[in-house]
Amino acid sequence: MTARCRRMAQAVLVCVIMVTELIPAFSNSPLNIAVVLSREAAPYRHALKGFEEVLKASGRAYKLQEFSAEGVAVDAAQLAAKIRIRKPDLILTIGSGATNMISDEIRDIPVVFSLVLPSSGNESLRGMRESRGNVTGASMEIPIRTQFAKLREILPAVRRIGVLYNPDITGPTVDSAMQTATSMGLDLVPMQVSSETDLVTSMDSLSERVDVLWSVADSTVFSPAGLKQILLATLRSRVPFVGLSTSFVKAGALVAFSVDYQDIGRQSGELALRILGGDDPSRIPMTVPRSISLSVNMNTAKQIQVPIHEDIRKKAELYF
């Protein structure tokens, strides 16, 4: 072998050694994750904490870079451009606002959402996922079957479940709820509203039509004035009212089902690890809450003369 050939062989050997040494370094490099929050709020911080818990438990090194989607002045394209500059391996969006904004702008980076509750129900969220193959995540929408089952535990005599809704906003959700109710031997009584006047009319003879009033996240129904009308009417008619959140219970609703924000964040973290491990986001089903809590207003229970069993009181967060 000539001297020139020996030098070339040595150079190739050095390159092979260098590449071999670099492979572990690249494989152990921190995950670069962009976090986009709809706004600064405690539930979103709880979700982010849960997300980080899962990453830490996995042993993977990671780096989070936070962005805000809050405010009318935020330009979606500019925000997306800022995120792209950081070259994230994955984007975590927390809240509906951030999720809608980023999923519209970015289609080539995996997106995992957290704490998303679409006003038009799961169908619109599924539609978003189907049209954007890079998105999956953790919804905070408690399955209707789970809600009805828990409602029957609290109020065993319930058969007729009323629901106020605007078909243009929550029609698909109510259609799905009607099928679920029928399969469970329950009767869902839909009450359509398109204005505050409709809402007042729907409250007439409420106790003759339904055993309980259930809620879907409908902006037509739950305006500040609308909620006040519902609370007054259900108390007057002694009809149990299932609110959308603990704040409804504090205001006078009998019960509400709540989710564990931090655990939804954990679910998002578990999905993120699957994607970072090579799974296709479009093939990973979105999750629903696995940890559900109950709030009960005991003053309301007394006023409308509805007994709350001791077993339920032990498991619920009680308000007096």
Protein backbone atom coordinates (compact mmCIF):
# COMPACT_ATOMS: atom_id res chain seq x y z
CA MET A 1 0.00 0.00 0.00
CA THR A 2 1.37 3.37 -0.96
CA ALA A 3 1.85 6.17 1.55
CA ARG A 4 -1.01 8.05 -0.05
CA CYS A 5 -3.37 5.09 0.32
CA ARG A 6 -2.33 4.64 3.94
CA ARG A 7 -3.10 8.31 4.68
CA MET A 8 -6.54 8.00 3.03
CA ALA A 9 -7.32 4.85 5.02
CA GLN A 10 -6.31 6.56 8.26
CA ALA A 11 -8.49 9.57 7.42
CA VAL A 12 -11.52 7.32 6.74
CA LEU A 13 -10.90 5.50 10.04
CA VAL A 14 -10.81 8.80 11.95
CA CYS A 15 -14.12 9.87 10.34
CA VAL A 16 -15.78 6.57 11.28
CA ILE A 17 -14.60 6.95 14.88
CA MET A 18 -15.87 10.54 15.06
CA VAL A 19 -19.31 9.62 13.67
CA THR A 20 -19.55 6.65 16.05
CA GLU A 21 -18.80 8.93 18.99
CA LEU A 22 -21.35 11.49 17.86
CA ILE A 23 -24.29 9.06 17.51
CA PRO A 24 -24.91 8.74 21.27
CA ALA A 25 -24.58 12.50 21.64
CA PHE A 26 -27.30 13.11 19.04
CA SER A 27 -29.58 10.40 20.45
CA ASN A 28 -29.24 11.86 23.94
CA SER A 29 -29.80 15.46 22.88
CA PRO A 30 -32.68 17.15 24.75
CA LEU A 31 -36.14 17.03 23.22
CA ASN A 32 -37.10 20.48 22.00
CA ILE A 33 -40.77 21.10 22.83
CA ALA A 34 -42.71 24.29 22.14
CA VAL A 35 -45.56 24.99 24.58
CA VAL A 36 -48.34 27.33 23.45
CA LEU A 37 -50.81 28.47 26.13
CA SER A 38 -54.18 29.97 25.24
CA ARG A 39 -53.75 32.33 28.18
CA GLU A 40 -52.17 32.49 31.62
CA ALA A 41 -54.50 30.49 33.88
CA ALA A 42 -54.08 28.07 36.78
CA PRO A 43 -55.68 25.05 35.03
CA TYR A 44 -53.26 25.42 32.13
CA ARG A 45 -50.31 25.50 34.51
CA HIS A 46 -51.61 22.36 36.22
CA ALA A 47 -51.80 20.64 32.82
CA LEU A 48 -48.25 21.70 31.97
CA LYS A 49 -47.04 20.36 35.32
CA GLY A 50 -48.63 16.99 34.58
CA PHE A 51 -47.06 16.97 31.11
CA GLU A 52 -43.62 17.58 32.59
CA GLU A 53 -44.13 14.84 35.19
CA VAL A 54 -44.42 12.28 32.41
CA LEU A 55 -41.34 13.58 30.58
CA LYS A 56 -39.27 13.52 33.76
CA ALA A 57 -40.42 10.00 34.61
CA SER A 58 -39.39 8.83 31.12
CA GLY A 59 -35.78 9.84 31.76
CA ARG A 60 -35.64 11.82 28.50
CA ALA A 61 -33.84 15.13 28.59
CA TYR A 62 -36.07 17.93 27.36
CA LYS A 63 -36.25 21.68 26.90
CA LEU A 64 -39.53 23.62 26.97
CA GLN A 65 -40.01 26.93 25.18
CA GLU A 66 -43.22 28.78 26.06
CA PHE A 67 -45.35 30.93 23.77
CA SER A 68 -48.65 32.73 24.42
CA ALA A 69 -51.68 32.81 22.14
CA GLU A 70 -53.46 35.30 24.39
CA GLY A 71 -54.82 38.59 23.16
CA VAL A 72 -56.42 39.92 20.00
CA ALA A 73 -53.07 41.35 18.90
CA VAL A 74 -51.49 37.90 18.50
CA ASP A 75 -50.97 37.14 14.81
CA ALA A 76 -51.23 33.41 14.15
CA ALA A 77 -48.78 33.42 11.23
CA GLN A 78 -46.19 35.40 13.17
CA LEU A 79 -46.56 33.13 16.19
CA ALA A 80 -46.13 30.07 13.99
CA ALA A 81 -43.02 31.63 12.43
CA LYS A 82 -41.50 32.24 15.88
CA ILE A 83 -42.13 28.63 16.81
CA ARG A 84 -40.61 27.30 13.58
CA ILE A 85 -37.39 29.25 14.19
CA ARG A 86 -36.88 27.17 17.37
CA LYS A 87 -37.23 23.93 15.35
CA PRO A 88 -39.28 22.01 17.95
CA ASP A 89 -39.58 18.22 17.85
CA LEU A 90 -43.17 18.60 19.05
CA ILE A 91 -45.68 21.33 19.96
CA LEU A 92 -47.91 21.15 23.05
CA THR A 93 -50.97 23.41 22.86
CA ILE A 94 -52.95 24.04 26.05
CA GLY A 95 -56.54 25.25 25.65
CA SER A 96 -58.85 25.58 22.65
CA GLY A 97 -57.54 28.97 21.50
CA ALA A 98 -53.93 27.86 21.20
CA THR A 99 -54.93 24.53 19.65
CA ASN A 100 -57.09 26.09 16.94
CA MET A 101 -54.48 28.72 16.13
CA ILE A 102 -51.51 26.37 15.85
CA SER A 103 -53.32 23.50 14.12
CA ASP A 104 -54.44 25.93 11.40
CA GLU A 105 -50.92 27.25 10.83
CA ILE A 106 -48.61 24.26 11.34
CA ARG A 107 -49.14 20.94 9.57
CA ASP A 108 -45.61 19.51 9.43
CA ILE A 109 -44.70 19.35 13.14
CA PRO A 110 -46.51 16.99 15.56
CA VAL A 111 -49.06 18.82 17.74
CA VAL A 112 -50.42 17.42 21.00
CA PHE A 113 -53.29 19.37 22.56
CA SER A 114 -54.40 19.48 26.19
CA LEU A 115 -57.49 20.83 28.01
CA VAL A 116 -59.60 21.26 24.88
CA LEU A 117 -63.39 21.39 25.22
CA PRO A 118 -64.92 22.41 21.87
CA SER A 119 -68.27 24.19 22.14
CA SER A 120 -69.70 22.10 19.31
CA GLY A 121 -68.72 18.78 20.84
CA ASN A 122 -66.32 16.00 19.99
CA GLU A 123 -67.40 15.80 16.35
CA SER A 124 -65.73 19.13 15.51
CA LEU A 125 -62.58 18.08 17.37
CA ARG A 126 -62.50 14.80 15.46
CA GLY A 127 -63.03 16.74 12.25
CA MET A 128 -60.01 18.90 13.02
CA ARG A 129 -57.88 15.82 13.63
CA GLU A 130 -59.05 14.14 10.42
CA SER A 131 -58.14 17.16 8.31
CA ARG A 132 -54.77 17.66 10.00
CA GLY A 133 -52.74 14.47 10.18
CA ASN A 134 -50.22 15.90 12.65
CA VAL A 135 -52.63 16.42 15.59
CA THR A 136 -53.80 14.38 18.57
CA GLY A 137 -54.28 15.13 22.25
CA ALA A 138 -56.18 14.99 25.52
CA SER A 139 -59.73 16.32 25.52
CA MET A 140 -61.30 17.52 28.75
CA GLU A 141 -64.80 16.49 27.62
CA ILE A 142 -66.25 13.87 29.96
CA PRO A 143 -67.99 11.16 27.90
CA ILE A 144 -71.77 11.52 27.92
CA ARG A 145 -72.25 7.91 29.00
CA THR A 146 -70.01 8.52 32.01
CA GLN A 147 -71.99 11.65 32.95
CA PHE A 148 -75.35 9.88 32.71
CA ALA A 149 -74.08 6.89 34.70
CA LYS A 150 -72.82 9.13 37.49
CA LEU A 151 -76.03 11.15 37.38
CA ARG A 152 -78.01 7.98 37.94
CA GLU A 153 -75.81 7.14 40.94
CA ILE A 154 -76.62 10.51 42.51
CA LEU A 155 -80.30 10.59 41.52
CA PRO A 156 -81.45 6.96 41.07
CA ALA A 157 -85.04 7.96 40.22
CA VAL A 158 -84.03 10.06 37.20
CA ARG A 159 -85.53 9.03 33.86
CA ARG A 160 -86.24 12.24 31.94
CA ILE A 161 -83.12 14.36 31.34
CA GLY A 162 -83.71 17.84 29.96
CA VAL A 163 -81.12 19.79 28.00
CA LEU A 164 -81.20 23.39 26.75
CA TYR A 165 -79.26 23.93 23.53
CA ASN A 166 -78.93 25.87 20.30
CA PRO A 167 -78.93 23.33 17.42
CA ASP A 168 -76.52 25.50 15.43
CA ILE A 169 -73.94 25.28 18.22
CA THR A 170 -74.38 21.99 20.07
CA GLY A 171 -76.71 20.04 17.80
CA PRO A 172 -74.26 17.15 17.18
CA THR A 173 -73.56 16.81 20.91
CA VAL A 174 -77.26 16.59 21.76
CA ASP A 175 -77.89 14.11 18.95
CA SER A 176 -75.15 11.90 20.36
CA ALA A 177 -76.52 12.33 23.89
CA MET A 178 -79.97 11.25 22.74
CA GLN A 179 -78.61 7.99 21.37
CA THR A 180 -76.63 7.38 24.56
CA ALA A 181 -79.64 8.09 26.76
CA THR A 182 -81.83 5.69 24.80
CA SER A 183 -79.23 2.92 25.08
CA MET A 184 -79.21 3.43 28.87
CA GLY A 185 -83.00 3.36 29.24
CA LEU A 186 -83.21 7.13 29.76
CA ASP A 187 -85.25 9.75 27.94
CA LEU A 188 -83.40 12.87 26.79
CA VAL A 189 -85.77 15.84 26.42
CA PRO A 190 -84.19 18.42 24.06
CA MET A 191 -85.27 22.04 24.51
CA GLN A 192 -84.13 24.25 21.66
CA VAL A 193 -83.27 27.90 22.32
CA SER A 194 -81.96 30.61 20.04
CA SER A 195 -82.47 33.63 22.31
CA GLU A 196 -83.06 34.69 25.89
CA THR A 197 -86.80 34.80 25.15
CA ASP A 198 -86.70 31.12 24.14
CA LEU A 199 -84.85 30.35 27.34
CA VAL A 200 -87.55 31.94 29.52
CA THR A 201 -90.26 30.05 27.63
CA SER A 202 -88.42 26.75 28.02
CA MET A 203 -88.39 27.20 31.78
CA ASP A 204 -92.21 27.11 31.94
CA SER A 205 -93.59 23.91 33.50
CA LEU A 206 -90.06 22.56 33.81
CA SER A 207 -90.87 20.10 36.59
CA GLU A 208 -93.66 18.58 34.51
CA ARG A 209 -91.32 17.85 31.62
CA VAL A 210 -88.04 16.67 33.15
CA ASP A 211 -86.58 15.08 36.28
CA VAL A 212 -83.22 16.85 35.95
CA LEU A 213 -81.68 19.57 33.77
CA TRP A 214 -78.33 18.61 32.25
CA SER A 215 -75.85 21.00 30.60
CA VAL A 216 -73.84 21.13 27.40
CA ALA A 217 -71.32 23.90 26.72
CA ASP A 218 -73.56 26.18 24.66
CA SER A 219 -72.82 29.92 24.52
CA THR A 220 -76.44 30.79 23.63
CA VAL A 221 -77.72 29.12 26.79
CA PHE A 222 -75.02 30.05 29.25
CA SER A 223 -74.73 33.78 28.96
CA PRO A 224 -74.61 35.53 32.37
CA ALA A 225 -78.31 36.41 32.05
CA GLY A 226 -79.17 32.92 30.82
CA LEU A 227 -77.45 31.20 33.73
CA LYS A 228 -79.31 33.42 36.20
CA GLN A 229 -82.64 32.51 34.59
CA ILE A 230 -81.81 28.80 34.75
CA LEU A 231 -80.71 28.89 38.39
CA LEU A 232 -83.87 30.75 39.47
CA ALA A 233 -86.17 28.48 37.45
CA THR A 234 -84.65 25.21 38.63
CA LEU A 235 -84.73 26.31 42.28
CA ARG A 236 -88.33 27.47 41.93
CA SER A 237 -89.38 24.25 40.17
CA ARG A 238 -87.25 22.05 42.44
CA VAL A 239 -85.56 20.48 39.43
CA PRO A 240 -81.93 19.37 40.00
CA PHE A 241 -79.55 21.28 37.74
CA VAL A 242 -76.27 19.75 36.53
CA GLY A 243 -73.83 22.61 35.87
CA LEU A 244 -70.78 22.70 33.64
CA SER A 245 -68.25 23.27 36.41
CA THR A 246 -67.70 23.83 40.12
CA SER A 247 -68.40 27.54 39.61
CA PHE A 248 -71.97 26.61 38.62
CA VAL A 249 -72.35 24.64 41.86
CA LYS A 250 -71.09 27.59 43.87
CA ALA A 251 -73.72 29.72 42.11
CA GLY A 252 -76.55 27.31 42.99
CA ALA A 253 -76.53 24.30 40.65
CA LEU A 254 -77.01 21.02 42.50
CA VAL A 255 -74.06 19.13 41.03
CA ALA A 256 -71.25 19.35 38.48
CA PHE A 257 -68.64 16.95 37.18
CA SER A 258 -65.03 18.13 37.03
CA VAL A 259 -61.77 16.85 35.59
CA ASP A 260 -58.26 16.64 37.01
CA TYR A 261 -56.33 19.23 34.96
CA GLN A 262 -52.97 17.84 35.97
CA ASP A 263 -53.91 14.31 34.94
CA ILE A 264 -55.08 15.55 31.53
CA GLY A 265 -51.62 17.07 31.22
CA ARG A 266 -50.16 13.65 32.05
CA GLN A 267 -52.28 12.11 29.31
CA SER A 268 -50.88 14.68 26.87
CA GLY A 269 -47.36 13.76 27.99
CA GLU A 270 -48.02 10.07 27.38
CA LEU A 271 -49.24 10.85 23.87
CA ALA A 272 -46.19 13.04 23.23
CA LEU A 273 -43.81 10.23 24.20
CA ARG A 274 -45.56 7.87 21.77
CA ILE A 275 -45.12 10.39 18.95
CA LEU A 276 -41.49 11.10 19.85
CA GLY A 277 -40.98 7.33 19.86
CA GLY A 278 -42.08 7.16 16.24
CA ASP A 279 -45.88 6.73 16.32
CA ASP A 280 -47.99 8.59 13.75
CA PRO A 281 -50.16 11.27 15.46
CA SER A 282 -53.03 10.59 13.06
CA ARG A 283 -53.18 6.98 14.29
CA ILE A 284 -53.20 7.84 18.00
CA PRO A 285 -56.76 8.36 19.31
CA MET A 286 -57.33 11.43 21.44
CA THR A 287 -58.01 10.68 25.08
CA VAL A 288 -60.88 11.56 27.42
CA PRO A 289 -60.56 12.33 31.15
CA ARG A 290 -59.82 9.28 33.29
CA SER A 291 -60.09 11.10 36.63
CA ILE A 292 -63.49 12.69 37.35
CA SER A 293 -64.66 14.44 40.52
CA LEU A 294 -68.06 15.59 41.75
CA SER A 295 -69.18 18.86 43.36
CA VAL A 296 -72.47 19.14 45.29
CA ASN A 297 -74.27 22.19 46.69
CA MET A 298 -75.86 20.91 49.90
CA ASN A 299 -77.88 24.12 50.41
CA THR A 300 -79.47 23.61 47.00
CA ALA A 301 -80.13 19.95 47.79
CA LYS A 302 -81.99 21.02 50.92
CA GLN A 303 -83.91 23.76 49.15
CA ILE A 304 -85.18 21.54 46.32
CA GLN A 305 -85.66 18.60 48.73
CA VAL A 306 -83.29 16.17 47.02
CA PRO A 307 -81.55 13.71 49.35
CA ILE A 308 -77.84 13.11 48.71
CA HIS A 309 -76.74 9.67 49.87
CA GLU A 310 -73.93 9.46 52.42
CA ASP A 311 -71.73 7.49 49.98
CA ILE A 312 -72.02 10.33 47.46
CA ARG A 313 -71.27 12.98 50.09
CA LYS A 314 -68.09 11.14 51.09
CA LYS A 315 -66.76 11.19 47.53
CA ALA A 316 -67.85 14.71 46.56
CA GLU A 317 -66.59 18.19 47.21
CA LEU A 318 -69.40 19.76 49.21
CA TYR A 319 -70.53 23.39 49.25
CA PHE A 320 -72.86 24.87 51.87
